[in-house]
């Protein structure tokens, strides 16, 4: 194996390790309460459910945000770059 091929192989290995690290950090953020609250607050500002008080809407939006979080985490964790 020549030096160029060795360097390309090592660079590829390091890039894959870095991508895995970024994916793990992103998954941690996706699963965080901070992200869930951000989604829930965004929905609360954008959507008004008729005949439902704001105090009752908040838990509904938190539940939907939790569902969105779980779906995104499943999609991201199942995705592998280049595989």
C-alpha atoms as a PDB file:
ATOM      1  CA  UNK A   1       0.000   0.000   0.000  1.00  0.00           C
ATOM      2  CA  UNK A   2       1.429   3.337  -0.967  1.00  0.00           C
ATOM      3  CA  UNK A   3       1.517   6.423   1.251  1.00  0.00           C
ATOM      4  CA  UNK A   4      -1.372   8.122  -0.564  1.00  0.00           C
ATOM      5  CA  UNK A   5      -3.690   5.151  -0.049  1.00  0.00           C
ATOM      6  CA  UNK A   6      -2.671   4.919   3.628  1.00  0.00           C
ATOM      7  CA  UNK A   7      -3.394   8.615   4.188  1.00  0.00           C
ATOM      8  CA  UNK A   8      -6.770   8.363   2.442  1.00  0.00           C
ATOM      9  CA  UNK A   9      -7.688   5.323   4.551  1.00  0.00           C
ATOM     10  CA  UNK A  10      -6.671   7.089   7.772  1.00  0.00           C
ATOM     11  CA  UNK A  11      -8.539  10.276   6.782  1.00  0.00           C
ATOM     12  CA  UNK A  12     -11.648   8.219   6.004  1.00  0.00           C
ATOM     13  CA  UNK A  13     -11.422   6.456   9.353  1.00  0.00           C
ATOM     14  CA  UNK A  14     -11.048   9.757  11.224  1.00  0.00           C
ATOM     15  CA  UNK A  15     -13.948  11.321   9.291  1.00  0.00           C
ATOM     16  CA  UNK A  16     -16.200   8.380  10.183  1.00  0.00           C
ATOM     17  CA  UNK A  17     -15.230   8.670  13.864  1.00  0.00           C
ATOM     18  CA  UNK A  18     -15.961  12.390  13.800  1.00  0.00           C
ATOM     19  CA  UNK A  19     -19.317  11.823  12.078  1.00  0.00           C
ATOM     20  CA  UNK A  20     -20.255   9.250  14.723  1.00  0.00           C
ATOM     21  CA  UNK A  21     -19.328  11.716  17.479  1.00  0.00           C
ATOM     22  CA  UNK A  22     -21.392  14.470  15.897  1.00  0.00           C
ATOM     23  CA  UNK A  23     -24.331  12.096  15.446  1.00  0.00           C
ATOM     24  CA  UNK A  24     -24.165  11.115  19.143  1.00  0.00           C
ATOM     25  CA  UNK A  25     -24.023  14.763  20.268  1.00  0.00           C
ATOM     26  CA  UNK A  26     -26.948  15.610  18.001  1.00  0.00           C
ATOM     27  CA  UNK A  27     -28.967  12.682  19.398  1.00  0.00           C
ATOM     28  CA  UNK A  28     -28.277  13.881  22.939  1.00  0.00           C
ATOM     29  CA  UNK A  29     -29.595  17.324  22.030  1.00  0.00           C
ATOM     30  CA  UNK A  30     -32.637  15.828  20.293  1.00  0.00           C
ATOM     31  CA  UNK A  31     -33.481  13.911  23.470  1.00  0.00           C
ATOM     32  CA  UNK A  32     -32.988  16.918  25.768  1.00  0.00           C
ATOM     33  CA  UNK A  33     -35.740  18.749  27.632  1.00  0.00           C
ATOM     34  CA  UNK A  34     -34.468  21.988  26.101  1.00  0.00           C
ATOM     35  CA  UNK A  35     -35.286  20.750  22.584  1.00  0.00           C
ATOM     36  CA  UNK A  36     -38.672  19.390  23.674  1.00  0.00           C
ATOM     37  CA  UNK A  37     -39.621  22.710  25.278  1.00  0.00           C
ATOM     38  CA  UNK A  38     -38.475  24.622  22.187  1.00  0.00           C
ATOM     39  CA  UNK A  39     -40.693  22.469  19.951  1.00  0.00           C
ATOM     40  CA  UNK A  40     -43.667  22.700  22.328  1.00  0.00           C
ATOM     41  CA  UNK A  41     -43.384  26.487  22.645  1.00  0.00           C
ATOM     42  CA  UNK A  42     -43.122  26.847  18.870  1.00  0.00           C
ATOM     43  CA  UNK A  43     -46.277  24.813  18.372  1.00  0.00           C
ATOM     44  CA  UNK A  44     -48.055  26.742  21.125  1.00  0.00           C
ATOM     45  CA  UNK A  45     -47.261  30.054  19.425  1.00  0.00           C
ATOM     46  CA  UNK A  46     -48.237  28.807  15.955  1.00  0.00           C
ATOM     47  CA  UNK A  47     -51.342  26.767  16.813  1.00  0.00           C
ATOM     48  CA  UNK A  48     -54.471  27.738  18.698  1.00  0.00           C
ATOM     49  CA  UNK A  49     -56.812  24.882  19.527  1.00  0.00           C
ATOM     50  CA  UNK A  50     -60.368  26.308  19.593  1.00  0.00           C
ATOM     51  CA  UNK A  51     -62.245  26.049  22.889  1.00  0.00           C
ATOM     52  CA  UNK A  52     -59.125  24.868  24.759  1.00  0.00           C
ATOM     53  CA  UNK A  53     -57.450  27.125  27.310  1.00  0.00           C
ATOM     54  CA  UNK A  54     -53.722  27.797  27.033  1.00  0.00           C
ATOM     55  CA  UNK A  55     -53.144  25.939  30.308  1.00  0.00           C
ATOM     56  CA  UNK A  56     -54.667  22.818  28.755  1.00  0.00           C
ATOM     57  CA  UNK A  57     -52.836  23.240  25.436  1.00  0.00           C
ATOM     58  CA  UNK A  58     -49.359  23.210  26.968  1.00  0.00           C
ATOM     59  CA  UNK A  59     -49.397  19.538  28.055  1.00  0.00           C
ATOM     60  CA  UNK A  60     -50.813  18.530  24.670  1.00  0.00           C
ATOM     61  CA  UNK A  61     -47.983  20.293  22.866  1.00  0.00           C
ATOM     62  CA  UNK A  62     -45.395  18.751  25.239  1.00  0.00           C
ATOM     63  CA  UNK A  63     -46.742  15.282  24.408  1.00  0.00           C
ATOM     64  CA  UNK A  64     -46.618  15.987  20.681  1.00  0.00           C
ATOM     65  CA  UNK A  65     -43.110  17.434  21.049  1.00  0.00           C
ATOM     66  CA  UNK A  66     -42.047  14.253  22.862  1.00  0.00           C
ATOM     67  CA  UNK A  67     -43.416  12.181  19.989  1.00  0.00           C
ATOM     68  CA  UNK A  68     -41.547  14.337  17.468  1.00  0.00           C
ATOM     69  CA  UNK A  69     -38.358  13.970  19.510  1.00  0.00           C
ATOM     70  CA  UNK A  70     -38.646  10.197  19.558  1.00  0.00           C
ATOM     71  CA  UNK A  71     -39.320  10.011  15.815  1.00  0.00           C
ATOM     72  CA  UNK A  72     -36.371  12.258  14.983  1.00  0.00           C
ATOM     73  CA  UNK A  73     -34.077  10.267  17.276  1.00  0.00           C
ATOM     74  CA  UNK A  74     -35.119   7.004  15.605  1.00  0.00           C
ATOM     75  CA  UNK A  75     -34.545   8.454  12.147  1.00  0.00           C
ATOM     76  CA  UNK A  76     -31.140   9.922  13.021  1.00  0.00           C
ATOM     77  CA  UNK A  77     -29.904   6.873  14.924  1.00  0.00           C
ATOM     78  CA  UNK A  78     -30.891   4.633  12.029  1.00  0.00           C
ATOM     79  CA  UNK A  79     -29.119   6.814   9.488  1.00  0.00           C
ATOM     80  CA  UNK A  80     -25.506   5.929   8.736  1.00  0.00           C
ATOM     81  CA  UNK A  81     -23.474   8.050   6.369  1.00  0.00           C
ATOM     82  CA  UNK A  82     -22.266   6.158   3.349  1.00  0.00           C
ATOM     83  CA  UNK A  83     -23.769   2.850   4.449  1.00  0.00           C
END
